């Protein structure tokens, strides 16, 4: 979503197709781009050309800074089954044991299984995905999700799948924290907008982890 909006703004200013536009997630819902430097364009003009209801733009030391409602990223991921996918990421073998969180292979696989389990159980509870309003504990996950596509592209470009694995571990660690501290399913209370928000976050994490595991050559498992 953010990259497409930025690309449109650059096209409007440059008067030509910009090709790949460098964009890096630097916070939950915050992105920075050096596109003005690289294309010799006025960063202020690019920021002014950004046109989207949920995205604002400004300039900081020549970089175009875009800000989007943090929850909008998770919502957008759930509508993009190919989120973060980059062609040419070399395979990486993740060890299965020991099954402890300190083992990156287990942590990533278990995070995916947890995210999928939340979605299955949400259907049983009648909790539908909804607008995401992230709590403080959920913001690191939103940022990690935003960073993943960039790491996937770097892994493909540099021929080093371990770069993507590092990003997957960050997503997994952040999701484990969310799973423990921000329950997505009601216990004794009635389902609420908070639960709907967290189910959407689980879906977004599941898509990102599934695609990441697939890129490094694994077949994601919903149960382990």
N, C-alpha and C. Protein backbone atom coordinates (compact mmCIF):
# COMPACT_ATOMS: atom_id res chain seq x y z
N UNK A 1 0.83 -1.20 0.00
CA UNK A 1 0.00 0.00 0.00
C UNK A 1 0.87 1.25 0.00
N UNK A 2 1.81 1.34 0.96
CA UNK A 2 2.63 2.54 1.08
C UNK A 2 3.53 2.70 -0.13
N UNK A 3 4.15 1.61 -0.57
CA UNK A 3 5.06 1.70 -1.71
C UNK A 3 4.33 2.13 -2.97
N UNK A 4 3.10 1.63 -3.15
CA UNK A 4 2.33 2.01 -4.33
C UNK A 4 1.97 3.49 -4.33
N UNK A 5 1.60 4.00 -3.16
CA UNK A 5 1.25 5.42 -3.04
C UNK A 5 2.48 6.28 -3.32
N UNK A 6 3.63 5.88 -2.78
CA UNK A 6 4.86 6.64 -3.02
C UNK A 6 5.24 6.59 -4.49
N UNK A 7 5.13 5.44 -5.11
CA UNK A 7 5.48 5.30 -6.53
C UNK A 7 4.60 6.22 -7.39
N UNK A 8 3.32 6.30 -7.05
CA UNK A 8 2.42 7.19 -7.80
C UNK A 8 2.86 8.64 -7.65
N UNK A 9 3.25 9.03 -6.44
CA UNK A 9 3.67 10.41 -6.19
C UNK A 9 4.95 10.73 -6.97
N UNK A 10 5.89 9.79 -6.96
CA UNK A 10 7.15 10.00 -7.69
C UNK A 10 6.87 10.11 -9.19
N UNK A 11 5.98 9.27 -9.70
CA UNK A 11 5.62 9.33 -11.12
C UNK A 11 5.04 10.69 -11.48
N UNK A 12 4.18 11.21 -10.60
CA UNK A 12 3.57 12.51 -10.87
C UNK A 12 4.61 13.62 -10.91
N UNK A 13 5.59 13.54 -10.02
CA UNK A 13 6.61 14.59 -9.96
C UNK A 13 7.63 14.44 -11.09
N UNK A 14 8.06 13.20 -11.34
CA UNK A 14 9.11 12.97 -12.33
C UNK A 14 8.58 12.97 -13.76
N UNK A 15 7.30 12.66 -13.92
CA UNK A 15 6.73 12.59 -15.26
C UNK A 15 7.13 11.34 -16.01
N UNK A 16 7.58 10.33 -15.27
CA UNK A 16 7.95 9.06 -15.90
C UNK A 16 7.83 7.95 -14.87
N UNK A 17 7.88 6.72 -15.35
CA UNK A 17 7.82 5.58 -14.44
C UNK A 17 9.09 5.52 -13.60
N UNK A 18 8.97 5.44 -12.28
CA UNK A 18 10.16 5.47 -11.42
C UNK A 18 10.86 4.13 -11.25
N UNK A 19 10.23 3.03 -11.68
CA UNK A 19 10.83 1.72 -11.42
C UNK A 19 10.72 1.39 -9.94
N UNK A 20 11.68 0.63 -9.43
CA UNK A 20 11.67 0.29 -8.02
C UNK A 20 11.97 1.53 -7.18
N UNK A 21 11.16 1.75 -6.17
CA UNK A 21 11.33 2.90 -5.27
C UNK A 21 11.76 2.37 -3.91
N UNK A 22 12.95 2.77 -3.49
CA UNK A 22 13.47 2.31 -2.19
C UNK A 22 12.60 2.85 -1.07
N UNK A 23 12.23 1.97 -0.15
CA UNK A 23 11.37 2.35 0.96
C UNK A 23 11.70 1.44 2.14
N UNK A 24 11.93 2.04 3.30
CA UNK A 24 12.30 1.25 4.47
C UNK A 24 11.39 1.58 5.64
N UNK A 25 10.91 0.54 6.31
CA UNK A 25 10.09 0.74 7.50
C UNK A 25 11.01 1.10 8.66
N UNK A 26 10.74 2.24 9.30
CA UNK A 26 11.59 2.70 10.39
C UNK A 26 10.83 2.79 11.71
N UNK A 27 9.60 2.34 11.72
CA UNK A 27 8.78 2.36 12.92
C UNK A 27 7.42 1.78 12.57
N UNK A 28 6.59 1.60 13.58
CA UNK A 28 5.25 1.07 13.33
C UNK A 28 4.44 2.09 12.55
N UNK A 29 4.24 1.83 11.28
CA UNK A 29 3.49 2.75 10.43
C UNK A 29 4.30 3.92 9.91
N UNK A 30 5.63 3.87 10.04
CA UNK A 30 6.50 4.96 9.58
C UNK A 30 7.51 4.40 8.57
N UNK A 31 7.61 5.07 7.41
CA UNK A 31 8.49 4.62 6.34
C UNK A 31 9.35 5.78 5.86
N UNK A 32 10.56 5.47 5.42
CA UNK A 32 11.48 6.49 4.90
C UNK A 32 11.98 6.07 3.53
N UNK A 33 12.10 7.04 2.63
CA UNK A 33 12.59 6.75 1.28
C UNK A 33 13.61 7.79 0.84
N UNK A 34 14.72 7.32 0.25
CA UNK A 34 15.73 8.23 -0.30
C UNK A 34 15.49 8.52 -1.78
N UNK A 35 14.28 8.29 -2.25
CA UNK A 35 14.01 8.37 -3.68
C UNK A 35 14.34 9.74 -4.26
N UNK A 36 14.17 10.80 -3.48
CA UNK A 36 14.47 12.14 -3.99
C UNK A 36 15.96 12.28 -4.29
N UNK A 37 16.81 11.75 -3.39
CA UNK A 37 18.25 11.77 -3.63
C UNK A 37 18.59 11.00 -4.91
N UNK A 38 18.05 9.79 -5.01
CA UNK A 38 18.43 8.88 -6.09
C UNK A 38 17.96 9.35 -7.46
N UNK A 39 16.85 10.07 -7.49
CA UNK A 39 16.31 10.50 -8.78
C UNK A 39 16.51 11.98 -9.05
N UNK A 40 17.16 12.68 -8.11
CA UNK A 40 17.40 14.10 -8.29
C UNK A 40 16.13 14.92 -8.31
N UNK A 41 15.18 14.55 -7.46
CA UNK A 41 13.90 15.23 -7.41
C UNK A 41 13.75 16.03 -6.13
N UNK A 42 12.78 16.91 -6.12
CA UNK A 42 12.48 17.72 -4.94
C UNK A 42 11.67 16.87 -3.96
N UNK A 43 12.25 16.59 -2.80
CA UNK A 43 11.57 15.75 -1.81
C UNK A 43 10.26 16.38 -1.36
N UNK A 44 10.25 17.71 -1.23
CA UNK A 44 9.03 18.38 -0.82
C UNK A 44 7.91 18.21 -1.83
N UNK A 45 8.27 18.24 -3.11
CA UNK A 45 7.26 18.05 -4.15
C UNK A 45 6.69 16.64 -4.11
N UNK A 46 7.54 15.67 -3.83
CA UNK A 46 7.06 14.29 -3.72
C UNK A 46 6.10 14.16 -2.54
N UNK A 47 6.49 14.75 -1.40
CA UNK A 47 5.63 14.68 -0.22
C UNK A 47 4.28 15.32 -0.49
N UNK A 48 4.27 16.44 -1.19
CA UNK A 48 3.02 17.12 -1.49
C UNK A 48 2.16 16.31 -2.46
N UNK A 49 2.81 15.50 -3.29
CA UNK A 49 2.08 14.72 -4.30
C UNK A 49 1.47 13.45 -3.73
N UNK A 50 1.87 13.08 -2.51
CA UNK A 50 1.30 11.88 -1.90
C UNK A 50 -0.19 12.12 -1.66
N UNK A 51 -1.00 11.25 -2.20
CA UNK A 51 -2.45 11.42 -2.10
C UNK A 51 -3.10 10.12 -1.62
N UNK A 52 -3.42 10.09 -0.34
CA UNK A 52 -4.09 8.92 0.23
C UNK A 52 -4.72 9.33 1.55
N UNK A 53 -5.92 8.87 1.80
CA UNK A 53 -6.64 9.27 3.00
C UNK A 53 -5.91 8.88 4.28
N UNK A 54 -5.19 7.75 4.26
CA UNK A 54 -4.59 7.25 5.49
C UNK A 54 -3.08 7.43 5.54
N UNK A 55 -2.50 8.12 4.55
CA UNK A 55 -1.05 8.29 4.52
C UNK A 55 -0.71 9.77 4.46
N UNK A 56 0.15 10.20 5.37
CA UNK A 56 0.66 11.57 5.33
C UNK A 56 2.15 11.51 4.98
N UNK A 57 2.66 12.61 4.45
CA UNK A 57 4.07 12.63 4.05
C UNK A 57 4.72 13.94 4.48
N UNK A 58 6.00 13.85 4.78
CA UNK A 58 6.79 15.02 5.15
C UNK A 58 8.22 14.77 4.71
N UNK A 59 9.07 15.75 4.90
CA UNK A 59 10.48 15.63 4.53
C UNK A 59 11.35 15.79 5.76
N UNK A 60 12.34 14.92 5.89
CA UNK A 60 13.29 15.00 7.00
C UNK A 60 14.68 14.75 6.44
N UNK A 61 15.49 15.81 6.41
CA UNK A 61 16.87 15.73 5.92
C UNK A 61 16.94 15.11 4.52
N UNK A 62 16.01 15.48 3.69
CA UNK A 62 16.01 15.02 2.31
C UNK A 62 15.28 13.72 2.07
N UNK A 63 14.95 13.01 3.13
CA UNK A 63 14.20 11.77 2.99
C UNK A 63 12.70 12.07 2.99
N UNK A 64 11.98 11.34 2.18
CA UNK A 64 10.52 11.43 2.21
C UNK A 64 10.03 10.47 3.28
N UNK A 65 9.34 11.01 4.28
CA UNK A 65 8.83 10.21 5.40
C UNK A 65 7.33 10.06 5.23
N UNK A 66 6.88 8.82 5.23
CA UNK A 66 5.44 8.55 5.11
C UNK A 66 4.93 7.91 6.39
N UNK A 67 3.78 8.37 6.82
CA UNK A 67 3.17 7.85 8.04
C UNK A 67 1.77 7.32 7.72
N UNK A 68 1.52 6.13 8.20
CA UNK A 68 0.22 5.50 7.98
C UNK A 68 -0.30 5.01 9.32
N UNK A 69 -1.60 5.01 9.49
CA UNK A 69 -2.15 4.44 10.72
C UNK A 69 -1.58 3.04 10.90
N UNK A 70 -0.99 2.80 12.07
CA UNK A 70 -0.25 1.56 12.30
C UNK A 70 -1.07 0.32 11.98
N UNK A 71 -2.32 0.33 12.37
CA UNK A 71 -3.15 -0.84 12.13
C UNK A 71 -3.49 -1.08 10.67
N UNK A 72 -3.35 -0.05 9.85
CA UNK A 72 -3.70 -0.19 8.43
C UNK A 72 -2.80 -1.20 7.74
N UNK A 73 -1.54 -1.31 8.19
CA UNK A 73 -0.64 -2.28 7.56
C UNK A 73 -1.15 -3.69 7.76
N UNK A 74 -1.52 -4.03 8.99
CA UNK A 74 -2.03 -5.38 9.26
C UNK A 74 -3.28 -5.66 8.42
N UNK A 75 -4.14 -4.67 8.32
CA UNK A 75 -5.36 -4.84 7.52
C UNK A 75 -5.01 -5.07 6.05
N UNK A 76 -4.03 -4.33 5.54
CA UNK A 76 -3.64 -4.46 4.14
C UNK A 76 -3.02 -5.83 3.87
N UNK A 77 -2.25 -6.33 4.82
CA UNK A 77 -1.60 -7.64 4.64
C UNK A 77 -2.65 -8.72 4.47
N UNK A 78 -3.73 -8.64 5.23
CA UNK A 78 -4.76 -9.68 5.15
C UNK A 78 -5.45 -9.70 3.79
N UNK A 79 -5.30 -8.63 3.03
CA UNK A 79 -5.89 -8.56 1.69
C UNK A 79 -4.86 -8.87 0.60
N UNK A 80 -3.64 -9.20 1.01
CA UNK A 80 -2.56 -9.46 0.06
C UNK A 80 -1.90 -10.79 0.39
N UNK A 81 -2.38 -11.89 -0.19
CA UNK A 81 -1.82 -13.21 0.13
C UNK A 81 -0.36 -13.37 -0.25
N UNK A 82 0.15 -12.48 -1.12
CA UNK A 82 1.56 -12.56 -1.53
C UNK A 82 2.42 -11.52 -0.82
N UNK A 83 1.96 -11.02 0.31
CA UNK A 83 2.68 -9.97 1.01
C UNK A 83 4.13 -10.38 1.28
N UNK A 84 5.05 -9.51 0.90
CA UNK A 84 6.46 -9.72 1.20
C UNK A 84 7.19 -10.66 0.29
N UNK A 85 6.51 -11.29 -0.64
CA UNK A 85 7.15 -12.31 -1.47
C UNK A 85 8.16 -11.68 -2.43
N UNK A 86 9.38 -12.23 -2.42
CA UNK A 86 10.43 -11.82 -3.34
C UNK A 86 10.99 -13.06 -4.01
N UNK A 87 11.19 -12.99 -5.31
CA UNK A 87 11.70 -14.14 -6.05
C UNK A 87 13.21 -14.27 -5.85
N UNK A 88 13.67 -15.50 -5.77
CA UNK A 88 15.11 -15.74 -5.75
C UNK A 88 15.76 -15.77 -4.39
N UNK A 89 14.99 -15.90 -3.32
CA UNK A 89 15.58 -16.02 -1.98
C UNK A 89 16.17 -17.44 -1.85
N UNK A 90 17.46 -17.56 -1.54
CA UNK A 90 18.06 -18.89 -1.41
C UNK A 90 17.44 -19.66 -0.24
N UNK A 91 17.31 -20.97 -0.37
CA UNK A 91 16.75 -21.76 0.73
C UNK A 91 17.66 -21.78 1.95
N UNK A 92 17.05 -21.91 3.09
CA UNK A 92 17.78 -22.01 4.36
C UNK A 92 17.17 -23.15 5.15
N UNK A 93 18.01 -24.00 5.71
CA UNK A 93 17.51 -25.11 6.52
C UNK A 93 17.47 -24.69 7.98
N UNK A 94 16.28 -24.69 8.55
CA UNK A 94 16.11 -24.37 9.97
C UNK A 94 15.99 -25.67 10.75
N UNK A 95 16.76 -25.78 11.81
CA UNK A 95 16.70 -27.01 12.60
C UNK A 95 15.40 -27.06 13.40
N UNK A 96 14.91 -28.26 13.63
CA UNK A 96 13.62 -28.44 14.30
C UNK A 96 13.75 -28.50 15.81
N UNK A 97 14.84 -29.04 16.29
CA UNK A 97 15.02 -29.22 17.73
C UNK A 97 16.33 -28.58 18.18
N UNK A 98 16.38 -28.19 19.45
CA UNK A 98 15.36 -28.38 20.49
C UNK A 98 14.17 -27.45 20.28
N UNK A 99 13.02 -27.88 20.77
CA UNK A 99 11.81 -27.08 20.61
C UNK A 99 11.69 -26.09 21.76
N UNK A 100 12.53 -25.09 21.69
CA UNK A 100 12.56 -24.00 22.67
C UNK A 100 12.57 -22.70 21.89
N UNK A 101 12.13 -21.62 22.53
CA UNK A 101 12.03 -20.35 21.83
C UNK A 101 13.39 -19.84 21.38
N UNK A 102 14.45 -20.28 22.04
CA UNK A 102 15.79 -19.83 21.65
C UNK A 102 16.22 -20.43 20.31
N UNK A 103 15.54 -21.47 19.86
CA UNK A 103 15.82 -22.07 18.56
C UNK A 103 15.01 -21.32 17.50
N UNK A 104 15.67 -20.57 16.61
CA UNK A 104 14.93 -19.77 15.62
C UNK A 104 13.96 -20.59 14.79
N UNK A 105 14.36 -21.80 14.41
CA UNK A 105 13.48 -22.62 13.60
C UNK A 105 12.18 -22.94 14.31
N UNK A 106 12.29 -23.32 15.58
CA UNK A 106 11.08 -23.63 16.34
C UNK A 106 10.25 -22.37 16.57
N UNK A 107 10.91 -21.28 16.92
CA UNK A 107 10.18 -20.04 17.23
C UNK A 107 9.34 -19.59 16.04
N UNK A 108 9.92 -19.63 14.85
CA UNK A 108 9.19 -19.17 13.66
C UNK A 108 8.05 -20.12 13.33
N UNK A 109 8.32 -21.41 13.36
CA UNK A 109 7.27 -22.39 13.04
C UNK A 109 6.13 -22.33 14.06
N UNK A 110 6.48 -22.18 15.33
CA UNK A 110 5.47 -22.16 16.38
C UNK A 110 4.64 -20.89 16.30
N UNK A 111 5.28 -19.77 15.96
CA UNK A 111 4.53 -18.52 15.80
C UNK A 111 3.50 -18.66 14.68
N UNK A 112 3.90 -19.30 13.60
CA UNK A 112 2.95 -19.51 12.50
C UNK A 112 1.80 -20.40 12.96
N UNK A 113 2.13 -21.48 13.65
CA UNK A 113 1.09 -22.40 14.13
C UNK A 113 0.14 -21.68 15.09
N UNK A 114 0.69 -20.83 15.95
CA UNK A 114 -0.15 -20.08 16.89
C UNK A 114 -1.09 -19.13 16.15
N UNK A 115 -0.55 -18.43 15.17
CA UNK A 115 -1.37 -17.48 14.41
C UNK A 115 -2.51 -18.19 13.70
N UNK A 116 -2.23 -19.35 13.15
CA UNK A 116 -3.27 -20.10 12.45
C UNK A 116 -4.30 -20.67 13.44
N UNK A 117 -3.82 -21.10 14.60
CA UNK A 117 -4.74 -21.63 15.61
C UNK A 117 -5.71 -20.55 16.09
N UNK A 118 -5.21 -19.33 16.26
CA UNK A 118 -6.07 -18.22 16.67
C UNK A 118 -7.19 -18.03 15.65
N UNK A 119 -6.86 -18.10 14.38
CA UNK A 119 -7.88 -17.89 13.35
C UNK A 119 -8.91 -19.02 13.33
N UNK A 120 -8.45 -20.25 13.55
CA UNK A 120 -9.41 -21.36 13.59
C UNK A 120 -10.35 -21.21 14.77
N UNK A 121 -9.79 -20.89 15.93
CA UNK A 121 -10.61 -20.79 17.13
C UNK A 121 -11.51 -19.56 17.09
N UNK A 122 -11.04 -18.51 16.42
CA UNK A 122 -11.87 -17.30 16.30
C UNK A 122 -13.18 -17.61 15.60
N UNK A 123 -13.12 -18.47 14.60
CA UNK A 123 -14.35 -18.87 13.91
C UNK A 123 -15.29 -19.59 14.86
N UNK A 124 -14.72 -20.44 15.72
CA UNK A 124 -15.55 -21.16 16.68
C UNK A 124 -16.23 -20.20 17.66
N UNK A 125 -15.51 -19.12 18.01
CA UNK A 125 -16.05 -18.15 18.96
C UNK A 125 -16.92 -17.09 18.27
N UNK A 126 -16.96 -17.13 16.96
CA UNK A 126 -17.73 -16.12 16.24
C UNK A 126 -17.07 -14.77 16.20
N UNK A 127 -15.74 -14.74 16.32
CA UNK A 127 -15.00 -13.47 16.27
C UNK A 127 -14.51 -13.26 14.85
N UNK A 128 -14.99 -12.22 14.21
CA UNK A 128 -14.58 -11.91 12.85
C UNK A 128 -13.46 -10.87 12.87
N UNK A 129 -12.56 -10.92 11.90
CA UNK A 129 -11.50 -9.90 11.82
C UNK A 129 -12.12 -8.51 11.71
N UNK A 130 -11.44 -7.53 12.29
CA UNK A 130 -11.96 -6.17 12.26
C UNK A 130 -10.86 -5.14 12.16
N UNK A 131 -11.23 -3.89 12.24
CA UNK A 131 -10.28 -2.78 12.16
C UNK A 131 -9.23 -2.94 13.25
N UNK A 132 -7.98 -2.69 12.90
CA UNK A 132 -6.88 -2.88 13.85
C UNK A 132 -6.56 -1.57 14.55
N UNK A 133 -6.65 -1.60 15.86
CA UNK A 133 -6.22 -0.50 16.72
C UNK A 133 -5.20 -1.10 17.68
N UNK A 134 -3.93 -1.14 17.30
CA UNK A 134 -2.94 -1.88 18.08
C UNK A 134 -2.66 -1.28 19.45
N UNK A 135 -2.49 -2.18 20.42
CA UNK A 135 -2.04 -1.80 21.75
C UNK A 135 -0.53 -1.59 21.70
N UNK A 136 0.01 -1.03 22.76
CA UNK A 136 1.45 -0.76 22.81
C UNK A 136 2.27 -2.02 22.58
N UNK A 137 1.84 -3.14 23.15
CA UNK A 137 2.58 -4.39 23.00
C UNK A 137 2.52 -4.95 21.58
N UNK A 138 1.60 -4.45 20.78
CA UNK A 138 1.46 -4.95 19.41
C UNK A 138 2.25 -4.13 18.39
N UNK A 139 2.74 -2.96 18.79
CA UNK A 139 3.45 -2.10 17.85
C UNK A 139 4.75 -2.71 17.33
N UNK A 140 5.56 -3.39 18.18
CA UNK A 140 6.77 -4.03 17.63
C UNK A 140 6.46 -5.05 16.54
N UNK A 141 5.34 -5.74 16.67
CA UNK A 141 4.95 -6.70 15.63
C UNK A 141 4.58 -5.96 14.35
N UNK A 142 3.85 -4.87 14.46
CA UNK A 142 3.48 -4.09 13.28
C UNK A 142 4.74 -3.62 12.56
N UNK A 143 5.73 -3.16 13.33
CA UNK A 143 6.98 -2.71 12.71
C UNK A 143 7.71 -3.87 12.04
N UNK A 144 7.79 -5.02 12.73
CA UNK A 144 8.48 -6.18 12.15
C UNK A 144 7.81 -6.63 10.86
N UNK A 145 6.48 -6.58 10.83
CA UNK A 145 5.76 -6.93 9.60
C UNK A 145 6.09 -5.94 8.48
N UNK A 146 6.20 -4.68 8.83
CA UNK A 146 6.53 -3.68 7.83
C UNK A 146 7.94 -3.83 7.27
N UNK A 147 8.85 -4.33 8.09
CA UNK A 147 10.24 -4.48 7.67
C UNK A 147 10.47 -5.72 6.81
N UNK A 148 9.60 -6.73 6.93
CA UNK A 148 9.86 -8.01 6.29
C UNK A 148 10.06 -7.94 4.77
N UNK A 149 9.22 -7.22 4.01
CA UNK A 149 9.44 -7.20 2.56
C UNK A 149 10.82 -6.69 2.16
N UNK A 150 11.32 -5.69 2.87
CA UNK A 150 12.65 -5.17 2.57
C UNK A 150 13.73 -6.20 2.80
N UNK A 151 13.61 -6.96 3.88
CA UNK A 151 14.59 -8.02 4.15
C UNK A 151 14.49 -9.13 3.12
N UNK A 152 13.29 -9.43 2.67
CA UNK A 152 13.13 -10.46 1.63
C UNK A 152 13.83 -10.02 0.34
N UNK A 153 13.65 -8.77 -0.04
CA UNK A 153 14.32 -8.27 -1.25
C UNK A 153 15.83 -8.29 -1.09
N UNK A 154 16.31 -7.91 0.10
CA UNK A 154 17.75 -7.93 0.35
C UNK A 154 18.30 -9.34 0.28
N UNK A 155 17.55 -10.30 0.85
CA UNK A 155 17.99 -11.70 0.82
C UNK A 155 18.10 -12.20 -0.61
N UNK A 156 17.16 -11.81 -1.45
CA UNK A 156 17.20 -12.23 -2.85
C UNK A 156 18.34 -11.54 -3.59
N UNK A 157 18.50 -10.25 -3.35
CA UNK A 157 19.52 -9.48 -4.07
C UNK A 157 20.93 -9.92 -3.69
N UNK A 158 21.14 -10.20 -2.39
CA UNK A 158 22.48 -10.57 -1.92
C UNK A 158 22.72 -12.07 -1.92
N UNK A 159 21.69 -12.84 -2.25
CA UNK A 159 21.85 -14.29 -2.28
C UNK A 159 22.10 -14.90 -0.92
N UNK A 160 21.48 -14.33 0.10
CA UNK A 160 21.68 -14.80 1.47
C UNK A 160 20.33 -14.91 2.18
N UNK A 161 19.79 -16.12 2.21
CA UNK A 161 18.49 -16.32 2.83
C UNK A 161 18.46 -16.06 4.32
N UNK A 162 19.65 -16.02 4.94
CA UNK A 162 19.69 -15.78 6.39
C UNK A 162 19.18 -14.39 6.75
N UNK A 163 19.27 -13.46 5.80
CA UNK A 163 18.75 -12.12 6.06
C UNK A 163 17.24 -12.17 6.28
N UNK A 164 16.57 -12.98 5.49
CA UNK A 164 15.12 -13.13 5.67
C UNK A 164 14.82 -13.88 6.95
N UNK A 165 15.63 -14.87 7.28
CA UNK A 165 15.41 -15.62 8.52
C UNK A 165 15.46 -14.68 9.72
N UNK A 166 16.40 -13.74 9.71
CA UNK A 166 16.49 -12.77 10.81
C UNK A 166 15.18 -12.00 10.96
N UNK A 167 14.61 -11.61 9.83
CA UNK A 167 13.35 -10.88 9.87
C UNK A 167 12.22 -11.76 10.37
N UNK A 168 12.20 -13.02 9.93
CA UNK A 168 11.17 -13.95 10.38
C UNK A 168 11.24 -14.16 11.88
N UNK A 169 12.45 -14.23 12.41
CA UNK A 169 12.62 -14.40 13.86
C UNK A 169 12.07 -13.18 14.60
N UNK A 170 12.30 -11.99 14.06
CA UNK A 170 11.77 -10.78 14.69
C UNK A 170 10.25 -10.78 14.69
N UNK A 171 9.66 -11.18 13.56
CA UNK A 171 8.20 -11.27 13.49
C UNK A 171 7.70 -12.30 14.48
N UNK A 172 8.36 -13.46 14.52
CA UNK A 172 7.93 -14.54 15.42
C UNK A 172 8.03 -14.12 16.88
N UNK A 173 9.16 -13.54 17.26
CA UNK A 173 9.33 -13.12 18.65
C UNK A 173 8.27 -12.10 19.04
N UNK A 174 8.02 -11.16 18.14
CA UNK A 174 7.01 -10.13 18.43
C UNK A 174 5.63 -10.75 18.52
N UNK A 175 5.35 -11.73 17.68
CA UNK A 175 4.02 -12.34 17.74
C UNK A 175 3.85 -13.18 19.00
N UNK A 176 4.89 -13.85 19.44
CA UNK A 176 4.78 -14.60 20.70
C UNK A 176 4.42 -13.66 21.85
N UNK A 177 5.02 -12.48 21.87
CA UNK A 177 4.70 -11.49 22.90
C UNK A 177 3.24 -11.07 22.80
N UNK A 178 2.78 -10.81 21.59
CA UNK A 178 1.39 -10.42 21.38
C UNK A 178 0.45 -11.54 21.81
N UNK A 179 0.78 -12.75 21.44
CA UNK A 179 -0.06 -13.91 21.77
C UNK A 179 -0.22 -14.04 23.28
N UNK A 180 0.86 -13.82 24.01
CA UNK A 180 0.82 -13.99 25.47
C UNK A 180 0.17 -12.81 26.18
N UNK A 181 0.40 -11.61 25.70
CA UNK A 181 -0.04 -10.41 26.42
C UNK A 181 -1.36 -9.82 25.92
N UNK A 182 -1.71 -10.14 24.69
CA UNK A 182 -2.90 -9.54 24.09
C UNK A 182 -3.81 -10.64 23.55
N UNK A 183 -4.53 -11.34 24.42
CA UNK A 183 -5.36 -12.47 23.98
C UNK A 183 -6.36 -12.06 22.90
N UNK A 184 -6.37 -12.84 21.83
CA UNK A 184 -7.26 -12.53 20.72
C UNK A 184 -8.66 -13.10 20.90
N UNK A 185 -8.80 -14.03 21.83
CA UNK A 185 -10.08 -14.71 22.00
C UNK A 185 -10.68 -14.41 23.36
N UNK A 186 -11.99 -14.25 23.42
CA UNK A 186 -12.64 -13.98 24.71
C UNK A 186 -12.61 -15.20 25.62
N UNK A 187 -12.59 -14.93 26.91
CA UNK A 187 -12.63 -16.01 27.90
C UNK A 187 -14.02 -16.05 28.51
N UNK A 188 -14.30 -15.11 29.39
CA UNK A 188 -15.64 -15.02 29.97
C UNK A 188 -16.41 -13.83 29.42
N UNK A 189 -15.68 -12.89 28.81
CA UNK A 189 -16.33 -11.70 28.27
C UNK A 189 -16.89 -11.98 26.88
N UNK A 190 -17.71 -11.05 26.41
CA UNK A 190 -18.26 -11.17 25.06
C UNK A 190 -17.22 -10.71 24.04
N UNK A 191 -17.27 -11.25 22.82
CA UNK A 191 -16.37 -10.78 21.77
C UNK A 191 -16.54 -9.28 21.55
N UNK A 192 -15.43 -8.60 21.35
CA UNK A 192 -15.46 -7.15 21.21
C UNK A 192 -14.59 -6.72 20.03
N UNK A 193 -14.56 -5.40 19.81
CA UNK A 193 -13.73 -4.85 18.74
C UNK A 193 -12.25 -5.12 19.00
N UNK A 194 -11.88 -5.20 20.27
CA UNK A 194 -10.49 -5.52 20.61
C UNK A 194 -10.13 -6.91 20.11
N UNK A 195 -11.01 -7.87 20.34
CA UNK A 195 -10.75 -9.23 19.85
C UNK A 195 -10.69 -9.26 18.33
N UNK A 196 -11.58 -8.54 17.68
CA UNK A 196 -11.60 -8.50 16.22
C UNK A 196 -10.29 -7.93 15.68
N UNK A 197 -9.79 -6.89 16.34
CA UNK A 197 -8.51 -6.30 15.95
C UNK A 197 -7.38 -7.31 16.06
N UNK A 198 -7.37 -8.05 17.14
CA UNK A 198 -6.29 -9.00 17.38
C UNK A 198 -6.36 -10.21 16.46
N UNK A 199 -7.55 -10.58 16.05
CA UNK A 199 -7.69 -11.67 15.07
C UNK A 199 -7.12 -11.22 13.72
N UNK A 200 -7.35 -9.97 13.36
CA UNK A 200 -6.76 -9.44 12.13
C UNK A 200 -5.24 -9.46 12.21
N UNK A 201 -4.70 -9.07 13.35
CA UNK A 201 -3.25 -9.08 13.53
C UNK A 201 -2.71 -10.50 13.40
N UNK A 202 -3.42 -11.47 13.97
CA UNK A 202 -3.00 -12.87 13.84
C UNK A 202 -2.99 -13.30 12.38
N UNK A 203 -4.00 -12.88 11.64
CA UNK A 203 -4.07 -13.23 10.22
C UNK A 203 -2.91 -12.62 9.45
N UNK A 204 -2.57 -11.37 9.77
CA UNK A 204 -1.45 -10.70 9.09
C UNK A 204 -0.14 -11.40 9.41
N UNK A 205 0.06 -11.74 10.68
CA UNK A 205 1.28 -12.45 11.06
C UNK A 205 1.36 -13.80 10.37
N UNK A 206 0.23 -14.48 10.28
CA UNK A 206 0.20 -15.78 9.62
C UNK A 206 0.61 -15.70 8.16
N UNK A 207 0.10 -14.70 7.46
CA UNK A 207 0.45 -14.53 6.04
C UNK A 207 1.93 -14.24 5.88
N UNK A 208 2.45 -13.32 6.69
CA UNK A 208 3.87 -12.96 6.58
C UNK A 208 4.78 -14.14 6.89
N UNK A 209 4.46 -14.88 7.95
CA UNK A 209 5.28 -16.03 8.33
C UNK A 209 5.17 -17.15 7.30
N UNK A 210 3.97 -17.38 6.81
CA UNK A 210 3.79 -18.41 5.78
C UNK A 210 4.62 -18.10 4.54
N UNK A 211 4.54 -16.86 4.08
CA UNK A 211 5.29 -16.49 2.88
C UNK A 211 6.79 -16.54 3.12
N UNK A 212 7.20 -16.12 4.31
CA UNK A 212 8.63 -16.16 4.62
C UNK A 212 9.16 -17.57 4.66
N UNK A 213 8.45 -18.46 5.32
CA UNK A 213 8.87 -19.86 5.38
C UNK A 213 8.91 -20.47 3.98
N UNK A 214 7.92 -20.15 3.17
CA UNK A 214 7.89 -20.67 1.81
C UNK A 214 9.09 -20.18 1.01
N UNK A 215 9.44 -18.91 1.18
CA UNK A 215 10.57 -18.35 0.42
C UNK A 215 11.88 -19.04 0.75
N UNK A 216 12.06 -19.49 2.00
CA UNK A 216 13.32 -20.14 2.35
C UNK A 216 13.26 -21.64 2.12
N UNK A 217 12.19 -22.11 1.48
CA UNK A 217 12.14 -23.49 1.06
C UNK A 217 11.38 -24.44 1.95
N UNK A 218 10.61 -23.91 2.92
CA UNK A 218 9.84 -24.77 3.82
C UNK A 218 8.37 -24.84 3.39
N UNK A 219 7.74 -25.92 3.78
CA UNK A 219 6.29 -26.02 3.66
C UNK A 219 5.70 -25.71 5.03
N UNK A 220 5.07 -24.54 5.19
CA UNK A 220 4.55 -24.16 6.51
C UNK A 220 3.53 -25.16 7.03
N UNK A 221 3.61 -25.42 8.33
CA UNK A 221 2.68 -26.36 8.97
C UNK A 221 1.81 -25.62 9.96
N UNK A 222 0.51 -25.82 9.85
CA UNK A 222 -0.42 -25.14 10.76
C UNK A 222 -0.43 -25.76 12.14
N UNK A 223 0.05 -26.97 12.25
CA UNK A 223 0.12 -27.64 13.55
C UNK A 223 1.49 -28.28 13.71
N UNK A 224 2.09 -28.08 14.87
CA UNK A 224 3.37 -28.74 15.15
C UNK A 224 3.32 -29.36 16.54
